[in-house]
Structures are given as structure tokens and as C-alpha cells.
N, C-alpha and C. Protein backbone atom coordinates (compact mmCIF):
# COMPACT_ATOMS: atom_id res chain seq x y z
N MET A 1 1.01 -1.27 0.06
CA MET A 1 -0.14 0.17 -0.13
C MET A 1 1.02 1.43 -0.11
N PRO A 2 0.28 2.11 -0.61
CA PRO A 2 1.11 3.21 -1.07
C PRO A 2 1.32 4.12 0.45
N ARG A 3 2.39 5.08 0.84
CA ARG A 3 2.77 5.82 2.17
C ARG A 3 2.74 7.40 1.39
N TYR A 4 1.73 8.21 2.13
CA TYR A 4 1.45 9.66 1.73
C TYR A 4 1.99 10.35 2.81
N PHE A 5 2.12 11.62 2.66
CA PHE A 5 2.87 12.48 3.65
C PHE A 5 1.98 13.91 3.50
N PHE A 6 1.61 14.37 4.93
CA PHE A 6 0.50 15.18 5.04
C PHE A 6 1.56 16.60 5.51
N HIS A 7 2.11 17.29 4.70
CA HIS A 7 2.75 18.20 4.71
C HIS A 7 1.67 19.34 5.49
N THR A 8 2.15 20.60 5.65
CA THR A 8 0.96 21.47 6.44
C THR A 8 1.84 22.88 5.99
N GLN A 9 1.29 24.07 5.74
CA GLN A 9 2.27 25.52 5.88
C GLN A 9 1.27 26.63 5.71
N ASN A 10 0.93 27.26 6.96
CA ASN A 10 0.24 28.53 6.99
C ASN A 10 1.46 29.31 7.59
N GLY A 11 2.55 29.70 6.46
CA GLY A 11 3.87 30.77 6.87
C GLY A 11 4.83 29.66 7.33
N ASP A 12 4.63 29.07 7.99
CA ASP A 12 5.46 28.19 8.97
C ASP A 12 5.18 26.89 7.77
N ARG A 13 5.93 26.09 7.85
CA ARG A 13 5.94 24.46 7.21
C ARG A 13 6.41 23.50 8.52
N ILE A 14 4.98 22.35 7.79
CA ILE A 14 5.75 21.38 8.67
C ILE A 14 5.39 20.25 8.06
N ARG A 15 6.28 19.74 8.33
CA ARG A 15 7.30 18.39 8.12
C ARG A 15 6.62 17.29 8.10
N ASP A 16 5.43 16.32 7.90
CA ASP A 16 5.42 14.90 8.20
C ASP A 16 5.94 13.94 7.44
N ASP A 17 6.58 13.66 8.70
CA ASP A 17 8.02 12.40 8.36
C ASP A 17 7.15 11.28 8.63
N GLN A 18 6.19 11.10 8.81
CA GLN A 18 5.85 9.27 9.44
C GLN A 18 4.69 9.04 7.91
N GLY A 19 3.92 9.98 7.64
CA GLY A 19 2.91 9.57 6.52
C GLY A 19 1.93 8.27 6.96
N GLU A 20 1.13 8.03 5.72
CA GLU A 20 0.40 6.92 6.05
C GLU A 20 -0.04 6.24 4.97
N ASP A 21 -0.47 5.09 5.05
CA ASP A 21 -0.67 4.33 4.37
C ASP A 21 -1.91 4.37 3.89
N LEU A 22 -1.44 4.44 2.53
CA LEU A 22 -3.93 4.24 1.86
C LEU A 22 -3.89 3.91 1.04
N PRO A 23 -4.55 2.94 -0.13
CA PRO A 23 -4.98 2.29 -0.75
C PRO A 23 -4.43 3.20 -2.23
N ASN A 24 -4.76 4.91 -2.25
CA ASN A 24 -4.91 5.27 -3.39
C ASN A 24 -4.60 6.91 -3.39
N VAL A 25 -4.35 7.47 -4.41
CA VAL A 25 -4.69 8.78 -4.60
C VAL A 25 -5.83 9.21 -3.90
N ASP A 26 -7.01 8.80 -4.19
CA ASP A 26 -8.41 9.45 -4.23
C ASP A 26 -8.02 9.10 -2.59
N ALA A 27 -8.17 8.26 -1.59
CA ALA A 27 -7.93 8.10 -0.06
C ALA A 27 -7.71 9.30 0.05
N ALA A 28 -6.30 9.82 -0.04
CA ALA A 28 -4.87 11.43 -0.04
C ALA A 28 -5.70 11.88 -0.24
N ARG A 29 -6.33 12.29 -1.17
CA ARG A 29 -7.23 13.46 -0.95
C ARG A 29 -7.99 13.50 -0.36
N GLU A 30 -8.87 12.23 0.25
CA GLU A 30 -9.64 12.80 1.19
C GLU A 30 -9.43 12.93 2.52
N GLU A 31 -8.13 12.39 2.61
CA GLU A 31 -7.18 12.08 3.96
C GLU A 31 -6.67 14.30 3.76
N ALA A 32 -6.53 14.04 2.83
CA ALA A 32 -6.09 16.06 3.01
C ALA A 32 -7.05 16.87 3.77
N VAL A 33 -8.54 16.77 3.03
CA VAL A 33 -9.54 17.43 3.31
C VAL A 33 -9.83 17.06 4.62
N THR A 34 -10.08 16.21 5.27
CA THR A 34 -10.36 15.81 6.82
C THR A 34 -8.94 16.60 7.80
N VAL A 35 -7.96 16.32 7.46
CA VAL A 35 -6.55 16.80 7.76
C VAL A 35 -7.30 18.34 7.73
N LEU A 36 -6.70 19.17 6.77
CA LEU A 36 -7.36 21.03 7.12
C LEU A 36 -8.39 21.31 7.52
N GLY A 37 -9.71 20.27 7.11
CA GLY A 37 -10.87 20.36 8.40
C GLY A 37 -10.45 20.51 9.95
N GLU A 38 -10.01 19.29 10.16
CA GLU A 38 -9.15 19.20 11.70
C GLU A 38 -8.28 20.41 12.26
N ILE A 39 -7.43 20.47 11.49
CA ILE A 39 -6.85 21.91 11.64
C ILE A 39 -7.34 23.20 11.70
N LEU A 40 -8.46 23.90 10.48
CA LEU A 40 -8.86 24.99 10.68
C LEU A 40 -10.19 25.21 12.06
N ARG A 41 -10.85 23.57 12.34
CA ARG A 41 -11.41 23.51 13.60
C ARG A 41 -10.64 23.77 15.21
N TYR A 42 -9.23 23.18 15.03
CA TYR A 42 -8.44 23.60 16.28
C TYR A 42 -8.21 24.47 16.47
N ARG A 43 -7.71 25.70 14.99
CA ARG A 43 -6.98 26.74 15.05
C ARG A 43 -8.13 28.02 15.88
N SER A 44 -9.76 27.69 14.49
CA SER A 44 -10.88 28.42 15.17
C SER A 44 -10.55 29.56 14.66
N ALA A 45 -10.66 31.14 15.36
CA ALA A 45 -10.92 32.03 15.24
C ALA A 45 -9.11 32.98 14.75
N GLY A 46 -8.05 31.63 15.30
CA GLY A 46 -6.63 32.19 14.61
C GLY A 46 -6.61 31.57 13.74
N PHE A 47 -7.25 31.29 13.10
CA PHE A 47 -7.37 30.82 10.99
C PHE A 47 -6.99 32.68 10.74
N TRP A 48 -7.74 33.50 11.05
CA TRP A 48 -7.62 34.73 10.64
C TRP A 48 -6.25 35.31 10.66
N ASP A 49 -5.53 35.00 12.00
CA ASP A 49 -4.24 35.61 12.14
C ASP A 49 -2.97 35.06 10.63
N THR A 50 -3.12 33.92 10.37
CA THR A 50 -2.82 33.47 8.88
C THR A 50 -3.14 33.71 8.06
N GLY A 51 -4.85 33.21 7.74
CA GLY A 51 -5.14 33.58 6.73
C GLY A 51 -5.22 32.82 5.70
N VAL A 52 -3.93 31.79 5.69
CA VAL A 52 -4.27 30.71 4.16
C VAL A 52 -3.74 29.76 5.17
N PHE A 53 -3.89 28.65 4.92
CA PHE A 53 -3.65 27.18 5.35
C PHE A 53 -3.68 26.32 4.74
N SER A 54 -2.24 25.55 4.14
CA SER A 54 -2.45 24.18 3.43
C SER A 54 -2.36 22.66 4.07
N VAL A 55 -2.51 22.13 2.88
CA VAL A 55 -1.79 20.56 3.08
C VAL A 55 -1.30 20.08 1.96
N ILE A 56 -0.50 19.81 1.71
CA ILE A 56 0.65 19.19 0.80
C ILE A 56 0.62 18.11 1.03
N VAL A 57 0.51 17.18 -0.03
CA VAL A 57 0.30 15.28 -0.16
C VAL A 57 1.22 15.34 -1.08
N THR A 58 2.63 14.72 -0.45
CA THR A 58 3.78 14.07 -1.21
C THR A 58 3.75 12.38 -1.61
N ASP A 59 3.82 11.74 -2.30
CA ASP A 59 4.19 10.35 -2.06
C ASP A 59 5.09 9.35 -1.73
N ALA A 60 5.89 8.92 -1.61
CA ALA A 60 7.33 8.38 -1.18
C ALA A 60 8.42 9.12 -1.48
N GLU A 61 7.99 9.28 -2.38
CA GLU A 61 9.71 10.19 -3.58
C GLU A 61 9.58 11.47 -3.37
N GLY A 62 8.51 11.99 -2.62
CA GLY A 62 8.13 13.33 -2.59
C GLY A 62 7.64 13.90 -3.44
N VAL A 63 7.18 13.92 -4.42
CA VAL A 63 6.55 14.11 -5.22
C VAL A 63 4.69 14.66 -4.66
N THR A 64 4.47 15.81 -4.84
CA THR A 64 3.19 16.39 -4.92
C THR A 64 2.27 15.89 -5.43
N VAL A 65 1.37 14.97 -4.98
CA VAL A 65 0.40 14.35 -5.16
C VAL A 65 -1.44 15.07 -5.26
N VAL A 66 -1.14 15.70 -4.22
CA VAL A 66 -2.77 16.76 -4.32
C VAL A 66 -1.88 18.24 -3.36
N SER A 67 -2.91 18.99 -3.33
CA SER A 67 -2.62 20.21 -2.47
C SER A 67 -3.94 20.63 -2.27
N VAL A 68 -4.55 21.04 -0.50
CA VAL A 68 -5.67 22.01 -0.31
C VAL A 68 -5.55 23.06 0.29
N THR A 69 -6.17 23.74 0.09
CA THR A 69 -5.56 25.35 0.80
C THR A 69 -6.93 26.01 0.68
N ALA A 70 -6.91 26.41 2.38
CA ALA A 70 -8.51 26.95 2.75
C ALA A 70 -7.61 28.82 2.95
N LYS A 71 -8.33 29.75 2.47
CA LYS A 71 -8.22 31.22 2.54
C LYS A 71 -8.93 31.89 3.23
N ALA A 72 -8.49 32.77 4.29
CA ALA A 72 -9.64 33.62 5.22
C ALA A 72 -9.35 34.90 4.02
N SER A 73 -10.21 35.71 3.82
CA SER A 73 -10.42 36.88 4.05
C SER A 73 -11.96 37.96 4.05
N GLN A 74 -11.79 38.86 3.90
CA GLN A 74 -12.91 39.99 4.19
C GLN A 74 -13.65 40.37 2.76
N GLU A 75 -12.79 40.08 1.37
CA GLU A 75 -13.17 40.03 0.43
C GLU A 75 -13.86 38.54 -0.24
N ALA A 76 -14.95 39.49 -0.69
CA ALA A 76 -16.11 37.49 -1.60
C ALA A 76 -15.14 37.28 -2.49
N PRO A 77 -14.99 36.07 -2.94
CA PRO A 77 -14.44 35.69 -3.92
C PRO A 77 -14.42 36.40 -5.84
N GLN A 78 -13.59 36.46 -6.53
CA GLN A 78 -13.74 37.17 -7.57
C GLN A 78 -15.38 36.38 -8.44
N GLY A 79 -15.84 37.12 -8.93
CA GLY A 79 -17.26 36.65 -9.38
C GLY A 79 -18.24 35.78 -8.31
N TRP A 80 -18.66 36.00 -7.26
CA TRP A 80 -19.09 35.40 -6.61
C TRP A 80 -20.59 36.82 -6.41
N ALA A 81 -22.04 36.39 -5.98
CA ALA A 81 -22.71 37.02 -6.18
C ALA A 81 -24.14 36.02 -5.72
N LEU A 82 -24.63 36.51 -4.65
CA LEU A 82 -26.04 35.97 -4.70
C LEU A 82 -26.97 36.11 -5.28
N ALA A 83 -27.40 35.07 -5.93
CA ALA A 83 -28.63 34.78 -6.83
C ALA A 83 -29.48 35.75 -6.13
N ASP A 84 -30.59 36.66 -7.03
CA ASP A 84 -31.52 37.39 -6.65
C ASP A 84 -32.49 36.14 -6.41
N ALA A 85 -33.42 36.66 -5.68
CA ALA A 85 -34.28 35.83 -4.68
C ALA A 85 -35.57 35.93 -6.09
N ASP A 86 -35.96 36.69 -6.77
CA ASP A 86 -36.94 36.25 -7.64
C ASP A 86 -36.44 35.52 -9.46
N GLU A 87 -35.32 35.61 -8.82
CA GLU A 87 -34.49 35.34 -10.37
C GLU A 87 -35.43 33.35 -10.49
């Protein structure tokens, strides 16, 4: 079973030297989202201090296989708008 490593970055880089055995990249993607969610839940309001938090997943050779990032902002994403209730 392949081993994947879940590194984090929020201004500081935290390297995962242990990794986790998972059946495939799809499972690594799921785990990356879970890890990011747990970090955001743990950091809570402190997330606003860093503004961006990433989980970067690499394989045993160090090749990035997936990355997921959460970004905090006072601005709405470009192109975002609420649909009018009458439409």
C-alpha cells in the first residue's frame, strides 16, 4: 500500500515524516480534506491571523500528488454573487 505524507503550511512549513499508508490517491485526497478541516477546527479564530492554510500531500518519492488550501478574507471571491430571490 502506498505511503502518503501530509505536510502543512501556514507561514511555517511543518513536514510530515511519518506519513500514512492509504490505498490510492483518492484516499489521500479525502484525508487531505479531513486534515485541513481538523486543523481549521483546532485553530478556530486563530485562522484569521495566518489567512491561508495548506495541506500538501506527497508520495514516498516526495512528488506532490494533491494540495488543498483554505483562505480567509474579508473580500468575496471574484465573480461571486447571491442569486436574486426573484430569478
